[in-house]
Protein backbone atom coordinates (compact mmCIF):
# COMPACT_ATOMS: atom_id res chain seq x y z
CA MET A 1 14.92 -4.50 -9.98
CA LYS A 2 14.54 -1.27 -7.99
CA LYS A 3 13.22 -3.18 -4.99
CA LEU A 4 16.20 -5.53 -5.17
CA PHE A 5 18.56 -2.53 -5.39
CA VAL A 6 17.03 -0.87 -2.32
CA THR A 7 16.90 -4.11 -0.33
CA ALA A 8 20.56 -4.82 -1.10
CA LEU A 9 21.50 -1.30 -0.08
CA LEU A 10 19.52 -1.58 3.15
CA CYS A 11 21.31 -4.82 4.01
CA MET A 12 24.69 -3.39 3.09
CA THR A 13 24.06 -0.29 5.17
CA GLY A 14 23.75 -2.19 8.42
CA TRP A 15 26.84 -4.25 7.69
CA THR A 16 28.99 -1.41 6.40
CA LEU A 17 28.13 0.94 9.24
CA ALA A 18 29.31 -1.69 11.70
CA GLN A 19 32.43 -2.61 9.70
CA THR A 20 33.87 0.64 8.37
CA PRO A 21 35.31 3.60 10.22
CA ALA A 22 33.71 7.01 9.67
CA ALA A 23 34.67 8.45 6.29
CA ALA A 24 35.43 12.05 5.52
CA PRO A 25 32.31 14.15 4.96
CA ALA A 26 31.00 14.05 1.40
CA SER A 27 31.17 17.14 -0.77
CA ALA A 28 28.04 19.18 -1.42
CA ALA A 29 28.04 17.96 -5.03
CA LYS A 30 28.20 14.33 -3.91
CA LYS A 31 25.41 14.89 -1.38
CA GLU A 32 23.27 16.34 -4.18
CA LEU A 33 23.92 13.28 -6.34
CA VAL A 34 23.03 10.96 -3.45
CA ALA A 35 19.83 12.94 -2.86
CA LYS A 36 18.97 12.51 -6.55
CA VAL A 37 19.51 8.73 -6.36
CA LEU A 38 17.31 8.56 -3.26
CA SER A 39 14.65 10.63 -5.00
CA LEU A 40 14.70 8.29 -7.99
CA GLN A 41 14.44 5.32 -5.61
CA GLN A 42 11.69 6.78 -3.41
CA ARG A 43 8.98 4.48 -4.76
CA ALA A 44 11.17 1.41 -4.19
CA ILE A 45 12.03 2.61 -0.68
CA GLU A 46 8.33 3.06 0.06
CA GLN A 47 7.62 -0.43 -1.31
CA VAL A 48 10.17 -1.95 1.06
CA ALA A 49 8.45 -0.22 4.00
CA GLN A 50 5.01 -1.31 2.79
CA SER A 51 6.22 -4.88 2.44
CA LEU A 52 7.59 -4.84 5.98
CA ILE A 53 4.29 -3.72 7.49
CA GLU A 54 2.22 -6.07 5.33
CA ARG A 55 4.26 -9.15 6.28
CA PRO A 56 2.74 -9.56 9.78
CA ALA A 57 -0.74 -8.91 8.39
CA LEU A 58 -0.30 -11.66 5.80
CA GLN A 59 0.99 -14.06 8.45
CA MET A 60 -1.97 -13.26 10.70
CA MET A 61 -4.37 -13.78 7.79
CA GLN A 62 -2.86 -17.20 7.14
CA GLN A 63 -3.15 -18.15 10.80
CA ALA A 64 -6.69 -16.79 10.93
CA GLY A 65 -7.59 -18.84 7.86
CA ILE A 66 -6.45 -21.99 9.60
CA ALA A 67 -8.31 -21.08 12.77
CA LEU A 68 -11.45 -20.27 10.78
CA GLN A 69 -11.41 -23.72 9.20
CA THR A 70 -10.74 -25.58 12.44
CA ARG A 71 -12.34 -23.55 15.23
CA VAL A 72 -15.23 -21.54 13.79
CA ALA A 73 -18.58 -23.01 12.93
CA PRO A 74 -19.08 -23.27 9.15
CA ASP A 75 -22.08 -20.93 9.19
CA LYS A 76 -20.04 -18.18 10.90
CA ARG A 77 -16.83 -18.46 8.88
CA GLU A 78 -17.68 -16.03 6.10
CA ALA A 79 -18.74 -13.24 8.46
CA ALA A 80 -15.70 -13.79 10.70
CA ALA A 81 -13.37 -13.83 7.68
CA LYS A 82 -14.86 -10.56 6.45
CA LYS A 83 -14.36 -8.88 9.84
CA ILE A 84 -10.78 -10.16 10.08
CA GLN A 85 -10.04 -8.87 6.57
CA GLU A 86 -11.50 -5.47 7.50
CA GLU A 87 -9.22 -5.30 10.57
CA LEU A 88 -6.17 -6.25 8.53
CA ASN A 89 -7.05 -3.66 5.87
CA LYS A 90 -7.50 -1.04 8.60
CA TYR A 91 -4.06 -1.88 10.03
CA VAL A 92 -2.37 -1.61 6.63
CA ALA A 93 -4.19 1.66 5.86
CA GLU A 94 -3.18 3.17 9.21
CA VAL A 95 0.40 1.93 9.45
CA GLY A 96 1.35 1.96 5.76
CA PRO A 97 1.60 5.74 5.25
CA TYR A 98 3.58 6.16 8.48
CA ALA A 99 6.01 3.37 7.56
CA ARG A 100 6.52 4.73 4.04
CA GLU A 101 7.11 8.25 5.39
CA GLN A 102 9.62 7.00 7.94
CA ALA A 103 11.47 4.93 5.33
CA VAL A 104 11.88 7.98 3.11
CA LYS A 105 13.06 10.04 6.10
CA LEU A 106 15.57 7.37 7.14
CA SER A 107 16.92 6.73 3.64
CA PRO A 108 19.50 9.57 3.68
CA SER A 109 21.01 8.33 6.97
CA THR A 110 21.02 4.69 5.87
CA ILE A 111 21.11 4.18 2.09
CA GLY A 112 22.49 7.68 1.55
CA VAL A 113 25.44 7.08 3.87
CA THR A 114 26.34 3.90 2.03
CA LEU A 115 26.07 5.63 -1.34
CA GLU A 116 28.35 8.43 -0.12
CA GLU A 117 30.91 5.95 1.20
CA LYS A 118 30.89 3.41 -1.61
CA PHE A 119 30.37 5.49 -4.75
CA THR A 120 32.43 8.24 -6.31
CA GLU A 121 30.76 11.29 -7.82
CA ALA A 122 31.42 9.88 -11.29
CA GLU A 123 29.80 6.57 -10.35
CA LEU A 124 26.78 8.34 -8.88
CA LYS A 125 26.37 10.36 -12.09
CA GLU A 126 26.56 7.13 -14.11
CA LEU A 127 24.05 5.44 -11.80
CA ILE A 128 21.63 8.35 -12.16
CA GLY A 129 22.05 8.17 -15.93
CA ILE A 130 21.15 4.49 -15.87
CA MET A 131 18.19 5.03 -13.55
CA GLU A 132 16.84 7.89 -15.67
CA SER A 133 17.36 6.16 -19.00
CA PRO A 134 14.22 5.49 -21.02
CA VAL A 135 15.25 1.84 -21.41
CA ASN A 136 15.50 1.37 -17.64
CA ARG A 137 12.13 3.05 -17.13
CA LYS A 138 10.54 0.84 -19.77
CA PHE A 139 12.09 -2.23 -18.16
CA GLY A 140 10.76 -1.17 -14.74
CA GLN A 141 7.28 -0.60 -16.13
CA LEU A 142 7.28 -4.13 -17.54
CA ALA A 143 8.20 -5.74 -14.19
CA PRO A 144 4.55 -6.48 -13.23
CA GLU A 145 3.98 -8.12 -16.61
CA PHE A 146 7.17 -10.18 -16.19
CA GLN A 147 6.07 -11.30 -12.72
CA LYS A 148 2.55 -12.16 -13.88
CA THR A 149 3.70 -14.13 -16.92
CA LEU A 150 6.37 -16.01 -14.96
CA GLY A 151 3.96 -16.68 -12.09
CA GLU A 152 1.27 -18.09 -14.39
CA LYS A 153 3.73 -20.35 -16.21
CA LEU A 154 5.37 -21.46 -12.96
CA VAL A 155 2.03 -22.41 -11.41
CA ALA A 156 0.93 -24.26 -14.55
CA GLN A 157 4.28 -26.03 -14.91
CA SER A 158 4.68 -27.08 -11.29
CA LYS A 159 1.05 -27.64 -10.23
CA ALA A 160 1.14 -31.41 -10.75
CA SER A 161 4.33 -31.73 -8.69
CA VAL A 162 3.56 -29.20 -5.98
CA ASP A 163 -0.15 -29.85 -5.26
CA PRO A 164 0.39 -33.36 -3.83
CA LYS A 165 3.14 -32.00 -1.57
CA ILE A 166 0.86 -29.19 -0.37
CA LYS A 167 -1.88 -31.71 0.38
CA ALA A 168 0.57 -33.95 2.24
CA LEU A 169 1.81 -30.96 4.25
CA GLU A 170 -1.75 -29.95 5.07
CA GLN A 171 -2.57 -33.49 6.22
CA ALA A 172 0.61 -33.59 8.36
CA ILE A 173 -0.30 -30.29 10.03
CA VAL A 174 -3.85 -31.48 10.67
CA LYS A 175 -2.43 -34.67 12.18
CA HIS A 176 -0.04 -32.71 14.43
CA LEU A 177 -2.92 -30.54 15.59
CA GLY A 178 -4.78 -33.68 16.59
CA LEU A 179 -7.67 -32.96 14.27
CA PRO A 180 -9.47 -35.60 12.23
CA ILE A 181 -7.88 -36.19 8.85
CA VAL A 182 -10.29 -35.67 5.98
CA PRO A 183 -9.58 -37.85 2.93
CA ALA A 184 -8.66 -35.77 -0.13
CA GLY A 185 -11.80 -36.65 -2.12
CA ALA A 186 -14.18 -36.33 0.84
CA ALA A 187 -13.95 -32.54 1.13
CA SER A 188 -14.64 -31.96 -2.57
CA GLY A 189 -17.34 -34.65 -2.59
CA ALA A 190 -19.11 -32.99 0.33
CA ALA A 191 -18.97 -29.64 -1.42
CA LYS A 192 -20.69 -31.09 -4.53
CA LYS A 193 -23.68 -32.37 -2.56
């Protein structure tokens, strides 16, 4: 929920800054309230930054996985995959802290500006009350459990419908790459031998 809130605010910020004329400067009290909201949202802001820097790494890992299967000798795949994973982990470890730090630094001039323009002091106080409420905290702490439970049920429920489509997509990609198409049972049969 917090991530959704921050993402929506980030999107709104770009649009509103381009669409609205400069507003009168916010009062010191309002600036304090905005700073409090940003402080309460710091973890979510950092998660947005982390997600942004992980996205290219995940895409590269997917592409590398395809290349490993099609262009690397089977006996060298595991070692190559391990080295690739180490490089991706190194990238995330190096870039992640910088991106999170920059996101937090930029939040007052992006999210903060939107909060100052779009919320009254009374609304900011109410928002802080909601964010600090024990019920909201409990709900936020349960988010990973919600995601896990939903994910497990979704996979179980849709596996029979989705797996054939994934296999068909994989075969289509292999065909477009000009590689030999391996019958569905042949790969698993070879692995059993």
